[in-house]
């Protein structure tokens, strides 16, 4: 499974309903499971990004589908980053030309 970091920032709607953010995170986890994505952990953060989710998905398409599904609800804007662990980067480096 590939790893992904999902950065989420509240929209005006999300900030207005911020008291429901934990409940929405539970819905996100359910949505992710239905999409074939595993949410490893979630963090609420300070700064321009309000929530970070660490996820695993079988491919980029599945991860992107989940991020688009979440963004379409209108509470957050998302940015999805493909993350590589040391072993994966090692294989990438081994193939440098």
N, C-alpha and C. Protein backbone atom coordinates (compact mmCIF):
# COMPACT_ATOMS: atom_id res chain seq x y z
N UNK A 1 0.84 -1.18 0.00
CA UNK A 1 0.00 0.00 0.00
C UNK A 1 0.88 1.24 0.00
N UNK A 2 0.45 2.23 -0.74
CA UNK A 2 1.17 3.50 -0.81
C UNK A 2 0.72 4.40 0.34
N UNK A 3 1.61 5.25 0.80
CA UNK A 3 1.30 6.18 1.89
C UNK A 3 1.00 7.57 1.33
N UNK A 4 0.07 8.25 1.98
CA UNK A 4 -0.34 9.60 1.57
C UNK A 4 -0.52 10.46 2.79
N UNK A 5 -0.16 11.73 2.65
CA UNK A 5 -0.42 12.74 3.66
C UNK A 5 -1.50 13.64 3.07
N UNK A 6 -2.63 13.75 3.77
CA UNK A 6 -3.71 14.62 3.32
C UNK A 6 -3.72 15.85 4.22
N UNK A 7 -3.49 17.02 3.61
CA UNK A 7 -3.53 18.28 4.32
C UNK A 7 -4.91 18.89 4.09
N UNK A 8 -5.58 19.28 5.15
CA UNK A 8 -6.91 19.86 5.03
C UNK A 8 -6.97 21.20 5.75
N UNK A 9 -7.57 22.16 5.08
CA UNK A 9 -7.77 23.49 5.66
C UNK A 9 -9.26 23.78 5.67
N UNK A 10 -9.76 24.28 6.80
CA UNK A 10 -11.18 24.58 6.91
C UNK A 10 -11.60 25.64 5.90
N UNK A 11 -12.74 25.43 5.28
CA UNK A 11 -13.40 26.48 4.51
C UNK A 11 -14.17 27.33 5.50
N UNK A 12 -14.84 28.38 5.02
CA UNK A 12 -15.68 29.17 5.91
C UNK A 12 -16.75 28.29 6.55
N UNK A 13 -17.32 27.38 5.77
CA UNK A 13 -18.34 26.46 6.29
C UNK A 13 -17.74 25.57 7.39
N UNK A 14 -16.54 25.05 7.16
CA UNK A 14 -15.88 24.19 8.14
C UNK A 14 -15.52 24.93 9.41
N UNK A 15 -15.08 26.18 9.27
CA UNK A 15 -14.74 26.98 10.45
C UNK A 15 -16.01 27.31 11.24
N UNK A 16 -17.10 27.59 10.53
CA UNK A 16 -18.37 27.90 11.20
C UNK A 16 -18.86 26.71 12.02
N UNK A 17 -18.65 25.50 11.50
CA UNK A 17 -19.11 24.28 12.17
C UNK A 17 -17.95 23.52 12.83
N UNK A 18 -16.94 24.24 13.30
CA UNK A 18 -15.73 23.62 13.83
C UNK A 18 -16.00 22.70 15.02
N UNK A 19 -17.06 22.95 15.77
CA UNK A 19 -17.36 22.08 16.92
C UNK A 19 -17.67 20.65 16.49
N UNK A 20 -17.99 20.45 15.20
CA UNK A 20 -18.30 19.12 14.68
C UNK A 20 -17.10 18.44 14.03
N UNK A 21 -15.92 19.03 14.15
CA UNK A 21 -14.77 18.51 13.41
C UNK A 21 -14.39 17.08 13.80
N UNK A 22 -14.53 16.73 15.06
CA UNK A 22 -14.21 15.36 15.48
C UNK A 22 -15.23 14.38 14.89
N UNK A 23 -16.49 14.75 14.92
CA UNK A 23 -17.52 13.91 14.31
C UNK A 23 -17.31 13.76 12.81
N UNK A 24 -16.91 14.85 12.15
CA UNK A 24 -16.62 14.76 10.71
C UNK A 24 -15.41 13.88 10.45
N UNK A 25 -14.45 13.86 11.38
CA UNK A 25 -13.28 13.00 11.19
C UNK A 25 -13.69 11.53 11.23
N UNK A 26 -14.66 11.20 12.08
CA UNK A 26 -15.18 9.83 12.12
C UNK A 26 -15.86 9.47 10.79
N UNK A 27 -16.60 10.42 10.23
CA UNK A 27 -17.24 10.20 8.93
C UNK A 27 -16.19 10.05 7.84
N UNK A 28 -15.10 10.82 7.94
CA UNK A 28 -14.00 10.71 6.98
C UNK A 28 -13.41 9.31 7.03
N UNK A 29 -13.20 8.79 8.22
CA UNK A 29 -12.64 7.44 8.36
C UNK A 29 -13.56 6.39 7.76
N UNK A 30 -14.87 6.55 7.96
CA UNK A 30 -15.83 5.62 7.36
C UNK A 30 -15.80 5.71 5.84
N UNK A 31 -15.75 6.95 5.33
CA UNK A 31 -15.70 7.18 3.89
C UNK A 31 -14.42 6.56 3.31
N UNK A 32 -13.32 6.75 4.02
CA UNK A 32 -12.04 6.20 3.57
C UNK A 32 -12.11 4.68 3.49
N UNK A 33 -12.66 4.07 4.51
CA UNK A 33 -12.76 2.61 4.54
C UNK A 33 -13.57 2.10 3.35
N UNK A 34 -14.70 2.76 3.05
CA UNK A 34 -15.52 2.38 1.91
C UNK A 34 -14.76 2.53 0.59
N UNK A 35 -13.85 3.50 0.54
CA UNK A 35 -13.07 3.76 -0.67
C UNK A 35 -11.86 2.85 -0.79
N UNK A 36 -11.57 2.07 0.25
CA UNK A 36 -10.39 1.20 0.23
C UNK A 36 -9.13 1.87 0.75
N UNK A 37 -9.31 2.93 1.53
CA UNK A 37 -8.19 3.68 2.11
C UNK A 37 -8.18 3.45 3.62
N UNK A 38 -7.00 3.26 4.18
CA UNK A 38 -6.84 3.12 5.63
C UNK A 38 -6.31 4.43 6.20
N UNK A 39 -7.01 4.98 7.17
CA UNK A 39 -6.54 6.18 7.87
C UNK A 39 -5.71 5.71 9.06
N UNK A 40 -4.40 5.96 8.99
CA UNK A 40 -3.49 5.52 10.05
C UNK A 40 -3.56 6.43 11.27
N UNK A 41 -3.70 7.75 11.04
CA UNK A 41 -3.77 8.70 12.14
C UNK A 41 -4.24 10.04 11.62
N UNK A 42 -4.73 10.88 12.52
CA UNK A 42 -5.14 12.23 12.18
C UNK A 42 -4.66 13.18 13.27
N UNK A 43 -4.30 14.40 12.84
CA UNK A 43 -3.82 15.42 13.76
C UNK A 43 -4.47 16.75 13.40
N UNK A 44 -4.87 17.51 14.42
CA UNK A 44 -5.31 18.88 14.24
C UNK A 44 -4.08 19.73 14.53
N UNK A 45 -3.82 20.71 13.66
CA UNK A 45 -2.55 21.43 13.73
C UNK A 45 -2.75 22.94 13.77
N UNK A 46 -1.70 23.63 14.16
CA UNK A 46 -1.65 25.09 14.11
C UNK A 46 -1.06 25.50 12.76
N UNK A 47 -1.39 26.69 12.31
CA UNK A 47 -0.82 27.18 11.06
C UNK A 47 -1.82 27.09 9.92
N UNK A 48 -1.35 27.15 8.67
CA UNK A 48 -2.26 27.20 7.52
C UNK A 48 -3.01 25.90 7.26
N UNK A 49 -2.51 24.78 7.78
CA UNK A 49 -3.19 23.50 7.65
C UNK A 49 -3.86 23.18 8.97
N UNK A 50 -5.16 22.89 8.91
CA UNK A 50 -5.92 22.66 10.14
C UNK A 50 -5.92 21.20 10.58
N UNK A 51 -5.90 20.28 9.61
CA UNK A 51 -5.94 18.85 9.91
C UNK A 51 -5.00 18.12 8.96
N UNK A 52 -4.29 17.13 9.49
CA UNK A 52 -3.43 16.27 8.67
C UNK A 52 -3.86 14.84 8.91
N UNK A 53 -4.06 14.11 7.83
CA UNK A 53 -4.39 12.69 7.92
C UNK A 53 -3.28 11.88 7.26
N UNK A 54 -2.85 10.83 7.92
CA UNK A 54 -1.87 9.90 7.38
C UNK A 54 -2.66 8.69 6.89
N UNK A 55 -2.57 8.39 5.61
CA UNK A 55 -3.40 7.34 5.01
C UNK A 55 -2.57 6.37 4.18
N UNK A 56 -3.16 5.20 3.95
CA UNK A 56 -2.59 4.23 3.02
C UNK A 56 -3.69 3.86 2.02
N UNK A 57 -3.30 3.83 0.75
CA UNK A 57 -4.24 3.49 -0.32
C UNK A 57 -3.53 2.62 -1.34
N UNK A 58 -4.29 1.83 -2.10
CA UNK A 58 -3.65 0.95 -3.07
C UNK A 58 -3.02 1.68 -4.25
N UNK A 59 -3.49 2.91 -4.55
CA UNK A 59 -2.95 3.64 -5.70
C UNK A 59 -3.34 5.12 -5.62
N UNK A 60 -2.74 5.90 -6.52
CA UNK A 60 -2.99 7.35 -6.54
C UNK A 60 -4.45 7.67 -6.85
N UNK A 61 -5.05 6.90 -7.74
CA UNK A 61 -6.44 7.16 -8.11
C UNK A 61 -7.38 7.03 -6.91
N UNK A 62 -7.17 6.01 -6.10
CA UNK A 62 -8.01 5.79 -4.92
C UNK A 62 -7.83 6.93 -3.92
N UNK A 63 -6.59 7.33 -3.69
CA UNK A 63 -6.31 8.42 -2.75
C UNK A 63 -6.92 9.73 -3.25
N UNK A 64 -6.81 9.98 -4.54
CA UNK A 64 -7.37 11.20 -5.11
C UNK A 64 -8.89 11.20 -5.04
N UNK A 65 -9.49 10.06 -5.31
CA UNK A 65 -10.95 9.94 -5.22
C UNK A 65 -11.44 10.28 -3.81
N UNK A 66 -10.73 9.79 -2.80
CA UNK A 66 -11.11 10.10 -1.42
C UNK A 66 -10.98 11.59 -1.14
N UNK A 67 -9.87 12.20 -1.54
CA UNK A 67 -9.67 13.63 -1.29
C UNK A 67 -10.73 14.47 -1.98
N UNK A 68 -11.08 14.10 -3.20
CA UNK A 68 -12.12 14.84 -3.93
C UNK A 68 -13.48 14.66 -3.26
N UNK A 69 -13.76 13.45 -2.79
CA UNK A 69 -15.02 13.19 -2.11
C UNK A 69 -15.14 14.02 -0.84
N UNK A 70 -14.04 14.12 -0.10
CA UNK A 70 -14.04 14.91 1.13
C UNK A 70 -14.22 16.39 0.79
N UNK A 71 -13.47 16.88 -0.17
CA UNK A 71 -13.54 18.30 -0.54
C UNK A 71 -14.93 18.67 -1.04
N UNK A 72 -15.60 17.74 -1.70
CA UNK A 72 -16.92 18.04 -2.26
C UNK A 72 -17.96 18.29 -1.17
N UNK A 73 -17.69 17.90 0.07
CA UNK A 73 -18.62 18.14 1.17
C UNK A 73 -18.63 19.61 1.59
N UNK A 74 -17.55 20.33 1.26
CA UNK A 74 -17.51 21.76 1.51
C UNK A 74 -16.93 22.23 2.83
N UNK A 75 -16.46 21.32 3.67
CA UNK A 75 -15.93 21.72 4.98
C UNK A 75 -14.43 22.00 4.96
N UNK A 76 -13.72 21.38 4.03
CA UNK A 76 -12.27 21.57 3.95
C UNK A 76 -11.83 21.62 2.48
N UNK A 77 -10.68 22.23 2.28
CA UNK A 77 -9.95 22.14 1.01
C UNK A 77 -8.79 21.19 1.30
N UNK A 78 -8.53 20.30 0.37
CA UNK A 78 -7.49 19.30 0.63
C UNK A 78 -6.33 19.41 -0.34
N UNK A 79 -5.21 18.92 0.11
CA UNK A 79 -4.03 18.73 -0.72
C UNK A 79 -3.48 17.37 -0.33
N UNK A 80 -3.32 16.50 -1.32
CA UNK A 80 -2.86 15.14 -1.05
C UNK A 80 -1.43 14.98 -1.53
N UNK A 81 -0.57 14.47 -0.65
CA UNK A 81 0.84 14.29 -0.96
C UNK A 81 1.18 12.81 -0.92
N UNK A 82 1.82 12.30 -1.95
CA UNK A 82 2.31 10.92 -1.94
C UNK A 82 3.56 10.92 -1.08
N UNK A 83 3.63 10.02 -0.12
CA UNK A 83 4.76 9.94 0.80
C UNK A 83 5.53 8.63 0.56
N UNK A 84 6.83 8.71 0.62
CA UNK A 84 7.70 7.55 0.41
C UNK A 84 8.51 7.28 1.66
N UNK A 85 8.54 6.02 2.12
CA UNK A 85 9.38 5.70 3.27
C UNK A 85 10.82 5.48 2.78
N UNK A 86 11.73 5.20 3.70
CA UNK A 86 13.15 5.09 3.36
C UNK A 86 13.41 3.97 2.34
N UNK A 87 12.75 2.84 2.50
CA UNK A 87 12.96 1.72 1.57
C UNK A 87 12.49 2.09 0.16
N UNK A 88 11.36 2.77 0.07
CA UNK A 88 10.84 3.18 -1.24
C UNK A 88 11.77 4.18 -1.91
N UNK A 89 12.25 5.15 -1.14
CA UNK A 89 13.17 6.14 -1.70
C UNK A 89 14.48 5.45 -2.11
N UNK A 90 14.90 4.46 -1.33
CA UNK A 90 16.11 3.70 -1.68
C UNK A 90 15.97 3.03 -3.05
N UNK A 91 14.81 2.44 -3.31
CA UNK A 91 14.58 1.82 -4.62
C UNK A 91 14.56 2.86 -5.73
N UNK A 92 13.99 4.02 -5.43
CA UNK A 92 13.98 5.11 -6.41
C UNK A 92 15.41 5.55 -6.72
N UNK A 93 16.20 5.72 -5.67
CA UNK A 93 17.59 6.17 -5.83
C UNK A 93 18.43 5.14 -6.59
N UNK A 94 18.14 3.86 -6.34
CA UNK A 94 18.87 2.80 -7.04
C UNK A 94 18.67 2.88 -8.55
N UNK A 95 17.57 3.43 -8.99
CA UNK A 95 17.28 3.51 -10.42
C UNK A 95 17.69 4.80 -11.09
N UNK A 96 18.36 5.69 -10.34
CA UNK A 96 18.80 6.95 -10.95
C UNK A 96 19.73 6.69 -12.12
N UNK A 97 19.59 7.50 -13.14
CA UNK A 97 20.44 7.36 -14.34
C UNK A 97 21.37 8.51 -14.48
